[in-house]
């Protein structure tokens, strides 16, 4: 079979598995009493983030994440919700990125980032069992042991050990991002998942600060096989603090990038009514990549920005 024919046959197989993963993810959450919801894709305001450029749509934006609307549902009394949402981020294209992609997000009240990590472990365990892959999977020539629990690594300790400076006491955004990308993440063990815990407070604008340590935010990220898979928070529920953080981010975006971003006022109004909650976003294409042994997002996506 010609190389192009082989590629198309593999893509078809991967898309079949992608459909299975979507079905099984819904089965997982429905079996635990979660309500599947849908929130708007075109919105008047998004969460202001310096490293994310939104796609504009007639003065509004295509959503970069369903997070703000899902949290408004939490504030309205919905206790366990999930959705798989199409999201858009301008200029993000590469082996792991496409400007349009899918996020699985779930939120539950009376939970925190540790609960979100437990959910993620259970979700992956269920998927590999139902797909008959076992607890040790193969990805890009490596064996990965998914048996629970997954190792937890403190961000501060990882930086001190690997690059010799403390990002919590002496936070520097550019240095932190650069060292994370070039030193910390490449040094994570490939043969086991890694959960990075407790980020510097400025690196988590929507996360609650750790009780007793205001320099640390309750944020955790999951990395498997070199893939940044999921990002979890204990959600911030302090309206004044959320407003302050967003205002600082909006000012920085305008100062450094010349972009004017509106304050998401409807979300801000709801924040103070949110219960203690945990939330997480998981990249579906990257999850499918892992479960298909695919090196690129192009191998698990029917149409990327390059072939629409």
C-alpha atoms as a PDB file:
ATOM      1  CA  UNK A   1       0.000   0.000   0.000  1.00  0.00           C
ATOM      2  CA  UNK A   2       1.407   3.455  -0.879  1.00  0.00           C
ATOM      3  CA  UNK A   3       2.604   5.600   2.010  1.00  0.00           C
ATOM      4  CA  UNK A   4      -0.375   7.958   1.655  1.00  0.00           C
ATOM      5  CA  UNK A   5      -2.736   4.992   1.722  1.00  0.00           C
ATOM      6  CA  UNK A   6      -1.099   3.689   4.873  1.00  0.00           C
ATOM      7  CA  UNK A   7      -1.400   7.112   6.501  1.00  0.00           C
ATOM      8  CA  UNK A   8      -5.099   7.366   5.672  1.00  0.00           C
ATOM      9  CA  UNK A   9      -5.772   3.826   6.919  1.00  0.00           C
ATOM     10  CA  UNK A  10      -4.013   4.594  10.208  1.00  0.00           C
ATOM     11  CA  UNK A  11      -5.903   7.868  10.554  1.00  0.00           C
ATOM     12  CA  UNK A  12      -9.180   5.985  10.097  1.00  0.00           C
ATOM     13  CA  UNK A  13      -8.223   3.507  12.819  1.00  0.00           C
ATOM     14  CA  UNK A  14      -7.222   6.354  15.129  1.00  0.00           C
ATOM     15  CA  UNK A  15     -10.501   8.179  14.524  1.00  0.00           C
ATOM     16  CA  UNK A  16     -12.395   5.013  15.437  1.00  0.00           C
ATOM     17  CA  UNK A  17     -10.468   4.856  18.688  1.00  0.00           C
ATOM     18  CA  UNK A  18     -11.070   8.556  19.248  1.00  0.00           C
ATOM     19  CA  UNK A  19     -14.817   7.915  19.008  1.00  0.00           C
ATOM     20  CA  UNK A  20     -14.449   5.058  21.511  1.00  0.00           C
ATOM     21  CA  UNK A  21     -12.561   7.310  23.931  1.00  0.00           C
ATOM     22  CA  UNK A  22     -15.265   9.969  23.732  1.00  0.00           C
ATOM     23  CA  UNK A  23     -17.986   7.383  24.391  1.00  0.00           C
ATOM     24  CA  UNK A  24     -16.071   5.841  27.304  1.00  0.00           C
ATOM     25  CA  UNK A  25     -15.317   9.244  28.862  1.00  0.00           C
ATOM     26  CA  UNK A  26     -19.021  10.066  28.829  1.00  0.00           C
ATOM     27  CA  UNK A  27     -19.756   6.655  30.332  1.00  0.00           C
ATOM     28  CA  UNK A  28     -17.220   7.329  33.095  1.00  0.00           C
ATOM     29  CA  UNK A  29     -18.748  10.634  34.174  1.00  0.00           C
ATOM     30  CA  UNK A  30     -22.376   9.655  33.781  1.00  0.00           C
ATOM     31  CA  UNK A  31     -21.696   6.588  35.899  1.00  0.00           C
ATOM     32  CA  UNK A  32     -20.500   8.898  38.665  1.00  0.00           C
ATOM     33  CA  UNK A  33     -23.543  11.134  38.598  1.00  0.00           C
ATOM     34  CA  UNK A  34     -22.137  13.998  36.509  1.00  0.00           C
ATOM     35  CA  UNK A  35     -24.420  16.037  34.254  1.00  0.00           C
ATOM     36  CA  UNK A  36     -23.141  16.674  30.738  1.00  0.00           C
ATOM     37  CA  UNK A  37     -23.590  20.342  29.815  1.00  0.00           C
ATOM     38  CA  UNK A  38     -23.011  22.578  26.817  1.00  0.00           C
ATOM     39  CA  UNK A  39     -21.804  26.153  27.130  1.00  0.00           C
ATOM     40  CA  UNK A  40     -21.404  28.861  24.450  1.00  0.00           C
ATOM     41  CA  UNK A  41     -18.560  28.668  21.935  1.00  0.00           C
ATOM     42  CA  UNK A  42     -18.861  32.347  20.936  1.00  0.00           C
ATOM     43  CA  UNK A  43     -18.613  34.602  23.983  1.00  0.00           C
ATOM     44  CA  UNK A  44     -18.269  38.324  24.845  1.00  0.00           C
ATOM     45  CA  UNK A  45     -15.309  37.798  27.205  1.00  0.00           C
ATOM     46  CA  UNK A  46     -12.767  35.135  28.083  1.00  0.00           C
ATOM     47  CA  UNK A  47     -10.386  34.600  30.975  1.00  0.00           C
ATOM     48  CA  UNK A  48      -7.465  37.010  30.350  1.00  0.00           C
ATOM     49  CA  UNK A  49      -4.235  35.013  30.002  1.00  0.00           C
ATOM     50  CA  UNK A  50      -0.969  36.492  28.764  1.00  0.00           C
ATOM     51  CA  UNK A  51       0.075  33.320  26.919  1.00  0.00           C
ATOM     52  CA  UNK A  52      -3.244  32.690  25.140  1.00  0.00           C
ATOM     53  CA  UNK A  53      -4.399  34.797  22.166  1.00  0.00           C
ATOM     54  CA  UNK A  54      -8.118  34.389  21.409  1.00  0.00           C
ATOM     55  CA  UNK A  55      -9.761  34.264  17.982  1.00  0.00           C
ATOM     56  CA  UNK A  56     -12.050  37.263  17.554  1.00  0.00           C
ATOM     57  CA  UNK A  57     -15.565  36.909  16.112  1.00  0.00           C
ATOM     58  CA  UNK A  58     -17.448  40.118  15.275  1.00  0.00           C
ATOM     59  CA  UNK A  59     -16.304  41.848  18.442  1.00  0.00           C
ATOM     60  CA  UNK A  60     -16.689  38.732  20.590  1.00  0.00           C
ATOM     61  CA  UNK A  61     -14.397  35.708  20.919  1.00  0.00           C
ATOM     62  CA  UNK A  62     -14.395  32.035  20.139  1.00  0.00           C
ATOM     63  CA  UNK A  63     -13.970  30.423  23.522  1.00  0.00           C
ATOM     64  CA  UNK A  64     -10.499  29.400  24.636  1.00  0.00           C
ATOM     65  CA  UNK A  65     -12.020  27.172  27.342  1.00  0.00           C
ATOM     66  CA  UNK A  66     -15.535  26.533  28.704  1.00  0.00           C
ATOM     67  CA  UNK A  67     -14.208  27.208  32.222  1.00  0.00           C
ATOM     68  CA  UNK A  68     -15.924  30.502  33.029  1.00  0.00           C
ATOM     69  CA  UNK A  69     -19.392  29.376  31.999  1.00  0.00           C
ATOM     70  CA  UNK A  70     -19.036  26.023  33.747  1.00  0.00           C
ATOM     71  CA  UNK A  71     -18.072  27.809  36.955  1.00  0.00           C
ATOM     72  CA  UNK A  72     -21.137  30.012  36.590  1.00  0.00           C
ATOM     73  CA  UNK A  73     -23.156  26.782  36.582  1.00  0.00           C
ATOM     74  CA  UNK A  74     -21.378  25.715  39.777  1.00  0.00           C
ATOM     75  CA  UNK A  75     -22.365  29.041  41.311  1.00  0.00           C
ATOM     76  CA  UNK A  76     -25.963  28.386  40.245  1.00  0.00           C
ATOM     77  CA  UNK A  77     -26.056  25.112  42.159  1.00  0.00           C
ATOM     78  CA  UNK A  78     -24.922  22.451  39.692  1.00  0.00           C
ATOM     79  CA  UNK A  79     -22.671  20.196  41.753  1.00  0.00           C
ATOM     80  CA  UNK A  80     -21.096  17.774  39.225  1.00  0.00           C
ATOM     81  CA  UNK A  81     -20.773  18.780  35.567  1.00  0.00           C
ATOM     82  CA  UNK A  82     -18.645  17.876  32.551  1.00  0.00           C
ATOM     83  CA  UNK A  83     -18.413  18.595  28.859  1.00  0.00           C
ATOM     84  CA  UNK A  84     -16.264  18.017  25.794  1.00  0.00           C
ATOM     85  CA  UNK A  85     -15.962  21.428  24.179  1.00  0.00           C
ATOM     86  CA  UNK A  86     -14.452  22.787  20.973  1.00  0.00           C
ATOM     87  CA  UNK A  87     -11.966  25.538  21.878  1.00  0.00           C
ATOM     88  CA  UNK A  88      -9.933  28.007  19.834  1.00  0.00           C
ATOM     89  CA  UNK A  89      -6.560  29.660  20.372  1.00  0.00           C
ATOM     90  CA  UNK A  90      -4.976  31.869  17.749  1.00  0.00           C
ATOM     91  CA  UNK A  91      -1.625  30.904  16.253  1.00  0.00           C
ATOM     92  CA  UNK A  92      -1.230  27.632  18.114  1.00  0.00           C
ATOM     93  CA  UNK A  93      -0.041  25.130  15.514  1.00  0.00           C
ATOM     94  CA  UNK A  94       2.530  22.366  15.815  1.00  0.00           C
ATOM     95  CA  UNK A  95       2.987  18.697  16.610  1.00  0.00           C
ATOM     96  CA  UNK A  96       0.827  19.045  19.735  1.00  0.00           C
ATOM     97  CA  UNK A  97      -1.315  22.027  18.730  1.00  0.00           C
ATOM     98  CA  UNK A  98      -4.086  23.026  16.360  1.00  0.00           C
ATOM     99  CA  UNK A  99      -5.955  26.353  16.599  1.00  0.00           C
ATOM    100  CA  UNK A 100      -9.215  24.389  17.050  1.00  0.00           C
ATOM    101  CA  UNK A 101      -9.129  21.542  19.532  1.00  0.00           C
ATOM    102  CA  UNK A 102     -11.239  19.733  22.135  1.00  0.00           C
ATOM    103  CA  UNK A 103     -11.100  20.027  25.916  1.00  0.00           C
ATOM    104  CA  UNK A 104     -12.739  17.686  28.376  1.00  0.00           C
ATOM    105  CA  UNK A 105     -13.505  19.735  31.466  1.00  0.00           C
ATOM    106  CA  UNK A 106     -15.202  18.639  34.653  1.00  0.00           C
ATOM    107  CA  UNK A 107     -16.008  20.388  37.916  1.00  0.00           C
ATOM    108  CA  UNK A 108     -17.445  19.256  41.203  1.00  0.00           C
ATOM    109  CA  UNK A 109     -18.369  21.067  44.370  1.00  0.00           C
ATOM    110  CA  UNK A 110     -16.868  20.171  47.746  1.00  0.00           C
ATOM    111  CA  UNK A 111     -13.721  18.977  45.964  1.00  0.00           C
ATOM    112  CA  UNK A 112     -10.168  20.198  45.367  1.00  0.00           C
ATOM    113  CA  UNK A 113      -7.207  19.683  43.035  1.00  0.00           C
ATOM    114  CA  UNK A 114      -6.249  16.431  44.751  1.00  0.00           C
ATOM    115  CA  UNK A 115      -9.714  15.055  43.981  1.00  0.00           C
ATOM    116  CA  UNK A 116      -9.274  16.084  40.348  1.00  0.00           C
ATOM    117  CA  UNK A 117      -6.021  14.124  40.203  1.00  0.00           C
ATOM    118  CA  UNK A 118      -7.775  11.074  41.613  1.00  0.00           C
ATOM    119  CA  UNK A 119     -10.541  11.447  39.007  1.00  0.00           C
ATOM    120  CA  UNK A 120      -7.922  11.592  36.248  1.00  0.00           C
ATOM    121  CA  UNK A 121      -6.174   8.471  37.498  1.00  0.00           C
ATOM    122  CA  UNK A 122      -9.484   6.618  37.605  1.00  0.00           C
ATOM    123  CA  UNK A 123     -10.491   7.862  34.140  1.00  0.00           C
ATOM    124  CA  UNK A 124      -7.232   6.676  32.536  1.00  0.00           C
ATOM    125  CA  UNK A 125      -7.425   3.357  34.359  1.00  0.00           C
ATOM    126  CA  UNK A 126     -10.962   2.815  33.082  1.00  0.00           C
ATOM    127  CA  UNK A 127     -10.041   3.769  29.512  1.00  0.00           C
ATOM    128  CA  UNK A 128      -7.056   1.445  29.247  1.00  0.00           C
ATOM    129  CA  UNK A 129      -9.066  -1.388  30.794  1.00  0.00           C
ATOM    130  CA  UNK A 130     -12.027  -0.945  28.439  1.00  0.00           C
ATOM    131  CA  UNK A 131      -9.683  -0.622  25.455  1.00  0.00           C
ATOM    132  CA  UNK A 132      -7.905  -3.821  26.548  1.00  0.00           C
ATOM    133  CA  UNK A 133      -4.538  -2.063  26.783  1.00  0.00           C
ATOM    134  CA  UNK A 134      -3.660  -3.102  30.326  1.00  0.00           C
ATOM    135  CA  UNK A 135      -1.880  -1.028  32.963  1.00  0.00           C
ATOM    136  CA  UNK A 136       1.383  -0.846  31.006  1.00  0.00           C
ATOM    137  CA  UNK A 137       0.993   0.858  27.644  1.00  0.00           C
ATOM    138  CA  UNK A 138       3.420   1.544  24.805  1.00  0.00           C
ATOM    139  CA  UNK A 139       3.944   5.059  23.536  1.00  0.00           C
ATOM    140  CA  UNK A 140       6.565   6.139  21.018  1.00  0.00           C
ATOM    141  CA  UNK A 141       8.886   3.219  21.705  1.00  0.00           C
ATOM    142  CA  UNK A 142       8.592   3.394  25.497  1.00  0.00           C
ATOM    143  CA  UNK A 143       6.663   1.415  28.095  1.00  0.00           C
ATOM    144  CA  UNK A 144       4.597   3.554  30.473  1.00  0.00           C
ATOM    145  CA  UNK A 145       3.396   2.073  33.747  1.00  0.00           C
ATOM    146  CA  UNK A 146       0.000   3.590  34.566  1.00  0.00           C
ATOM    147  CA  UNK A 147      -0.543   1.673  37.801  1.00  0.00           C
ATOM    148  CA  UNK A 148      -1.853   3.795  40.654  1.00  0.00           C
ATOM    149  CA  UNK A 149      -1.021   5.957  42.412  1.00  0.00           C
ATOM    150  CA  UNK A 150       0.915   8.188  40.048  1.00  0.00           C
ATOM    151  CA  UNK A 151       3.989   9.959  41.463  1.00  0.00           C
ATOM    152  CA  UNK A 152       3.425  13.508  42.753  1.00  0.00           C
ATOM    153  CA  UNK A 153       6.229  16.051  42.368  1.00  0.00           C
ATOM    154  CA  UNK A 154       6.377  19.412  44.139  1.00  0.00           C
ATOM    155  CA  UNK A 155       7.130  22.226  41.668  1.00  0.00           C
ATOM    156  CA  UNK A 156       9.388  24.078  44.075  1.00  0.00           C
ATOM    157  CA  UNK A 157      11.440  20.968  44.830  1.00  0.00           C
ATOM    158  CA  UNK A 158      11.665  20.045  41.145  1.00  0.00           C
ATOM    159  CA  UNK A 159      13.115  23.479  40.341  1.00  0.00           C
ATOM    160  CA  UNK A 160      15.533  23.451  43.254  1.00  0.00           C
ATOM    161  CA  UNK A 161      16.800  20.011  42.282  1.00  0.00           C
ATOM    162  CA  UNK A 162      16.983  20.556  38.521  1.00  0.00           C
ATOM    163  CA  UNK A 163      17.849  24.215  37.950  1.00  0.00           C
ATOM    164  CA  UNK A 164      18.863  25.397  41.405  1.00  0.00           C
ATOM    165  CA  UNK A 165      16.459  28.262  42.097  1.00  0.00           C
ATOM    166  CA  UNK A 166      13.221  28.706  44.014  1.00  0.00           C
ATOM    167  CA  UNK A 167      10.327  29.866  41.783  1.00  0.00           C
ATOM    168  CA  UNK A 168       8.003  30.253  44.761  1.00  0.00           C
ATOM    169  CA  UNK A 169      10.121  32.710  46.755  1.00  0.00           C
ATOM    170  CA  UNK A 170      11.629  34.434  43.697  1.00  0.00           C
ATOM    171  CA  UNK A 171       9.071  34.097  40.932  1.00  0.00           C
ATOM    172  CA  UNK A 172      10.149  35.269  37.484  1.00  0.00           C
ATOM    173  CA  UNK A 173       7.547  34.471  34.811  1.00  0.00           C
ATOM    174  CA  UNK A 174       9.869  34.293  31.803  1.00  0.00           C
ATOM    175  CA  UNK A 175      12.532  32.330  33.646  1.00  0.00           C
ATOM    176  CA  UNK A 176       9.911  30.004  35.112  1.00  0.00           C
ATOM    177  CA  UNK A 177       8.286  29.268  31.728  1.00  0.00           C
ATOM    178  CA  UNK A 178      11.646  28.790  30.009  1.00  0.00           C
ATOM    179  CA  UNK A 179      13.061  26.469  32.668  1.00  0.00           C
ATOM    180  CA  UNK A 180       9.817  24.517  32.841  1.00  0.00           C
ATOM    181  CA  UNK A 181       9.877  23.920  29.067  1.00  0.00           C
ATOM    182  CA  UNK A 182      13.583  23.274  28.608  1.00  0.00           C
ATOM    183  CA  UNK A 183      14.695  21.653  31.881  1.00  0.00           C
ATOM    184  CA  UNK A 184      11.868  20.430  34.120  1.00  0.00           C
ATOM    185  CA  UNK A 185       9.511  18.768  31.638  1.00  0.00           C
ATOM    186  CA  UNK A 186      12.209  17.046  29.534  1.00  0.00           C
ATOM    187  CA  UNK A 187      13.622  15.651  32.782  1.00  0.00           C
ATOM    188  CA  UNK A 188      10.403  13.976  33.895  1.00  0.00           C
ATOM    189  CA  UNK A 189      10.550  10.163  33.803  1.00  0.00           C
ATOM    190  CA  UNK A 190       9.008   8.785  30.620  1.00  0.00           C
ATOM    191  CA  UNK A 191       8.138   5.395  32.084  1.00  0.00           C
ATOM    192  CA  UNK A 192       5.627   6.747  34.639  1.00  0.00           C
ATOM    193  CA  UNK A 193       3.024   9.523  34.668  1.00  0.00           C
ATOM    194  CA  UNK A 194       4.109  12.618  36.585  1.00  0.00           C
ATOM    195  CA  UNK A 195       1.854  14.989  38.512  1.00  0.00           C
ATOM    196  CA  UNK A 196       3.414  18.397  39.196  1.00  0.00           C
ATOM    197  CA  UNK A 197       1.815  19.945  42.277  1.00  0.00           C
ATOM    198  CA  UNK A 198       1.681  23.329  44.011  1.00  0.00           C
ATOM    199  CA  UNK A 199       2.659  26.021  41.531  1.00  0.00           C
ATOM    200  CA  UNK A 200       3.854  29.533  42.358  1.00  0.00           C
ATOM    201  CA  UNK A 201       0.792  31.677  43.041  1.00  0.00           C
ATOM    202  CA  UNK A 202       1.315  34.021  40.028  1.00  0.00           C
ATOM    203  CA  UNK A 203       1.312  30.968  37.709  1.00  0.00           C
ATOM    204  CA  UNK A 204      -2.297  30.067  38.534  1.00  0.00           C
ATOM    205  CA  UNK A 205      -4.632  33.055  38.244  1.00  0.00           C
ATOM    206  CA  UNK A 206      -7.812  31.015  38.744  1.00  0.00           C
ATOM    207  CA  UNK A 207      -6.609  28.735  41.538  1.00  0.00           C
ATOM    208  CA  UNK A 208      -7.045  28.989  45.296  1.00  0.00           C
ATOM    209  CA  UNK A 209      -3.967  29.751  47.376  1.00  0.00           C
ATOM    210  CA  UNK A 210      -2.724  26.979  49.630  1.00  0.00           C
ATOM    211  CA  UNK A 211      -3.908  27.428  53.231  1.00  0.00           C
ATOM    212  CA  UNK A 212      -0.975  28.585  55.344  1.00  0.00           C
ATOM    213  CA  UNK A 213       1.196  29.387  52.316  1.00  0.00           C
ATOM    214  CA  UNK A 214      -0.050  32.306  50.179  1.00  0.00           C
ATOM    215  CA  UNK A 215       2.956  31.989  47.837  1.00  0.00           C
ATOM    216  CA  UNK A 216       1.656  28.664  46.492  1.00  0.00           C
ATOM    217  CA  UNK A 217      -1.478  27.935  44.445  1.00  0.00           C
ATOM    218  CA  UNK A 218      -3.360  24.653  44.519  1.00  0.00           C
ATOM    219  CA  UNK A 219      -2.707  23.767  40.891  1.00  0.00           C
ATOM    220  CA  UNK A 220      -1.614  20.407  39.488  1.00  0.00           C
ATOM    221  CA  UNK A 221      -0.683  19.229  36.004  1.00  0.00           C
ATOM    222  CA  UNK A 222      -0.516  15.703  34.596  1.00  0.00           C
ATOM    223  CA  UNK A 223       2.246  14.693  32.190  1.00  0.00           C
ATOM    224  CA  UNK A 224       2.335  11.282  30.501  1.00  0.00           C
ATOM    225  CA  UNK A 225       4.765  10.194  27.804  1.00  0.00           C
ATOM    226  CA  UNK A 226       6.026  13.723  27.322  1.00  0.00           C
ATOM    227  CA  UNK A 227       2.476  15.015  26.797  1.00  0.00           C
ATOM    228  CA  UNK A 228       1.032  17.783  28.952  1.00  0.00           C
ATOM    229  CA  UNK A 229      -2.337  16.131  29.430  1.00  0.00           C
ATOM    230  CA  UNK A 230      -4.392  17.903  32.105  1.00  0.00           C
ATOM    231  CA  UNK A 231      -4.415  20.996  34.316  1.00  0.00           C
ATOM    232  CA  UNK A 232      -6.339  21.073  37.620  1.00  0.00           C
ATOM    233  CA  UNK A 233      -7.198  23.680  40.252  1.00  0.00           C
ATOM    234  CA  UNK A 234      -8.768  24.034  43.617  1.00  0.00           C
ATOM    235  CA  UNK A 235     -10.981  26.829  42.369  1.00  0.00           C
ATOM    236  CA  UNK A 236     -10.685  30.387  43.599  1.00  0.00           C
ATOM    237  CA  UNK A 237     -13.993  31.595  45.059  1.00  0.00           C
ATOM    238  CA  UNK A 238     -12.934  35.028  46.343  1.00  0.00           C
ATOM    239  CA  UNK A 239     -14.551  37.654  44.087  1.00  0.00           C
ATOM    240  CA  UNK A 240     -12.262  40.530  45.100  1.00  0.00           C
ATOM    241  CA  UNK A 241      -9.121  38.441  44.663  1.00  0.00           C
ATOM    242  CA  UNK A 242     -10.263  37.131  41.272  1.00  0.00           C
ATOM    243  CA  UNK A 243     -10.997  40.676  40.121  1.00  0.00           C
ATOM    244  CA  UNK A 244      -7.551  41.826  41.238  1.00  0.00           C
ATOM    245  CA  UNK A 245      -5.791  38.981  39.434  1.00  0.00           C
ATOM    246  CA  UNK A 246      -7.729  39.491  36.200  1.00  0.00           C
ATOM    247  CA  UNK A 247      -7.149  43.254  36.285  1.00  0.00           C
ATOM    248  CA  UNK A 248      -3.400  42.675  36.613  1.00  0.00           C
ATOM    249  CA  UNK A 249      -3.465  40.207  33.713  1.00  0.00           C
ATOM    250  CA  UNK A 250      -5.497  42.586  31.526  1.00  0.00           C
ATOM    251  CA  UNK A 251      -3.040  45.412  32.257  1.00  0.00           C
ATOM    252  CA  UNK A 252      -0.069  43.195  31.382  1.00  0.00           C
ATOM    253  CA  UNK A 253      -1.648  42.041  28.105  1.00  0.00           C
ATOM    254  CA  UNK A 254      -2.294  45.631  27.032  1.00  0.00           C
ATOM    255  CA  UNK A 255       1.160  46.800  28.131  1.00  0.00           C
ATOM    256  CA  UNK A 256       3.155  43.981  26.538  1.00  0.00           C
ATOM    257  CA  UNK A 257       1.004  42.968  23.561  1.00  0.00           C
ATOM    258  CA  UNK A 258      -1.156  46.004  22.813  1.00  0.00           C
ATOM    259  CA  UNK A 259      -4.350  43.937  23.048  1.00  0.00           C
ATOM    260  CA  UNK A 260      -7.411  45.167  24.924  1.00  0.00           C
ATOM    261  CA  UNK A 261      -9.247  42.388  26.743  1.00  0.00           C
ATOM    262  CA  UNK A 262     -12.537  43.039  28.594  1.00  0.00           C
ATOM    263  CA  UNK A 263     -13.131  41.960  32.155  1.00  0.00           C
ATOM    264  CA  UNK A 264     -15.488  38.924  32.185  1.00  0.00           C
ATOM    265  CA  UNK A 265     -18.018  40.683  34.390  1.00  0.00           C
ATOM    266  CA  UNK A 266     -20.709  37.976  34.413  1.00  0.00           C
ATOM    267  CA  UNK A 267     -18.176  35.461  35.666  1.00  0.00           C
ATOM    268  CA  UNK A 268     -16.840  37.870  38.290  1.00  0.00           C
ATOM    269  CA  UNK A 269     -20.381  38.382  39.603  1.00  0.00           C
ATOM    270  CA  UNK A 270     -20.766  34.612  40.017  1.00  0.00           C
ATOM    271  CA  UNK A 271     -17.410  33.838  41.642  1.00  0.00           C
ATOM    272  CA  UNK A 272     -18.475  34.764  45.135  1.00  0.00           C
ATOM    273  CA  UNK A 273     -21.399  32.325  44.927  1.00  0.00           C
ATOM    274  CA  UNK A 274     -19.253  29.345  43.971  1.00  0.00           C
ATOM    275  CA  UNK A 275     -18.893  26.584  46.557  1.00  0.00           C
ATOM    276  CA  UNK A 276     -15.524  25.093  47.366  1.00  0.00           C
ATOM    277  CA  UNK A 277     -14.782  23.277  44.114  1.00  0.00           C
ATOM    278  CA  UNK A 278     -12.248  21.397  42.057  1.00  0.00           C
ATOM    279  CA  UNK A 279     -11.933  21.681  38.294  1.00  0.00           C
ATOM    280  CA  UNK A 280      -9.758  20.315  35.531  1.00  0.00           C
ATOM    281  CA  UNK A 281      -9.199  20.598  31.782  1.00  0.00           C
ATOM    282  CA  UNK A 282      -7.884  17.627  29.802  1.00  0.00           C
ATOM    283  CA  UNK A 283      -6.795  17.811  26.165  1.00  0.00           C
ATOM    284  CA  UNK A 284      -8.744  15.190  24.254  1.00  0.00           C
ATOM    285  CA  UNK A 285      -6.464  15.078  21.211  1.00  0.00           C
ATOM    286  CA  UNK A 286      -3.458  14.463  23.438  1.00  0.00           C
ATOM    287  CA  UNK A 287      -5.312  11.764  25.347  1.00  0.00           C
ATOM    288  CA  UNK A 288      -6.174  10.064  22.057  1.00  0.00           C
ATOM    289  CA  UNK A 289      -2.575  10.460  20.879  1.00  0.00           C
ATOM    290  CA  UNK A 290      -1.434   8.603  23.986  1.00  0.00           C
ATOM    291  CA  UNK A 291      -3.972   5.810  23.495  1.00  0.00           C
ATOM    292  CA  UNK A 292      -3.190   5.482  19.758  1.00  0.00           C
ATOM    293  CA  UNK A 293       0.609   5.713  20.070  1.00  0.00           C
ATOM    294  CA  UNK A 294       0.437   8.766  17.775  1.00  0.00           C
ATOM    295  CA  UNK A 295       3.294  11.264  17.604  1.00  0.00           C
ATOM    296  CA  UNK A 296       1.276  14.187  16.259  1.00  0.00           C
ATOM    297  CA  UNK A 297      -2.140  15.767  16.664  1.00  0.00           C
ATOM    298  CA  UNK A 298      -2.498  15.392  12.881  1.00  0.00           C
ATOM    299  CA  UNK A 299      -2.653  11.616  13.336  1.00  0.00           C
ATOM    300  CA  UNK A 300      -5.809  11.787  15.486  1.00  0.00           C
ATOM    301  CA  UNK A 301      -7.673  14.712  13.856  1.00  0.00           C
ATOM    302  CA  UNK A 302      -9.732  14.365  10.676  1.00  0.00           C
ATOM    303  CA  UNK A 303      -9.171  17.967   9.586  1.00  0.00           C
ATOM    304  CA  UNK A 304      -6.515  20.311  10.940  1.00  0.00           C
ATOM    305  CA  UNK A 305      -6.160  23.982  10.056  1.00  0.00           C
ATOM    306  CA  UNK A 306      -3.885  22.930   7.167  1.00  0.00           C
ATOM    307  CA  UNK A 307      -6.368  20.741   5.289  1.00  0.00           C
ATOM    308  CA  UNK A 308      -9.768  22.319   5.888  1.00  0.00           C
END
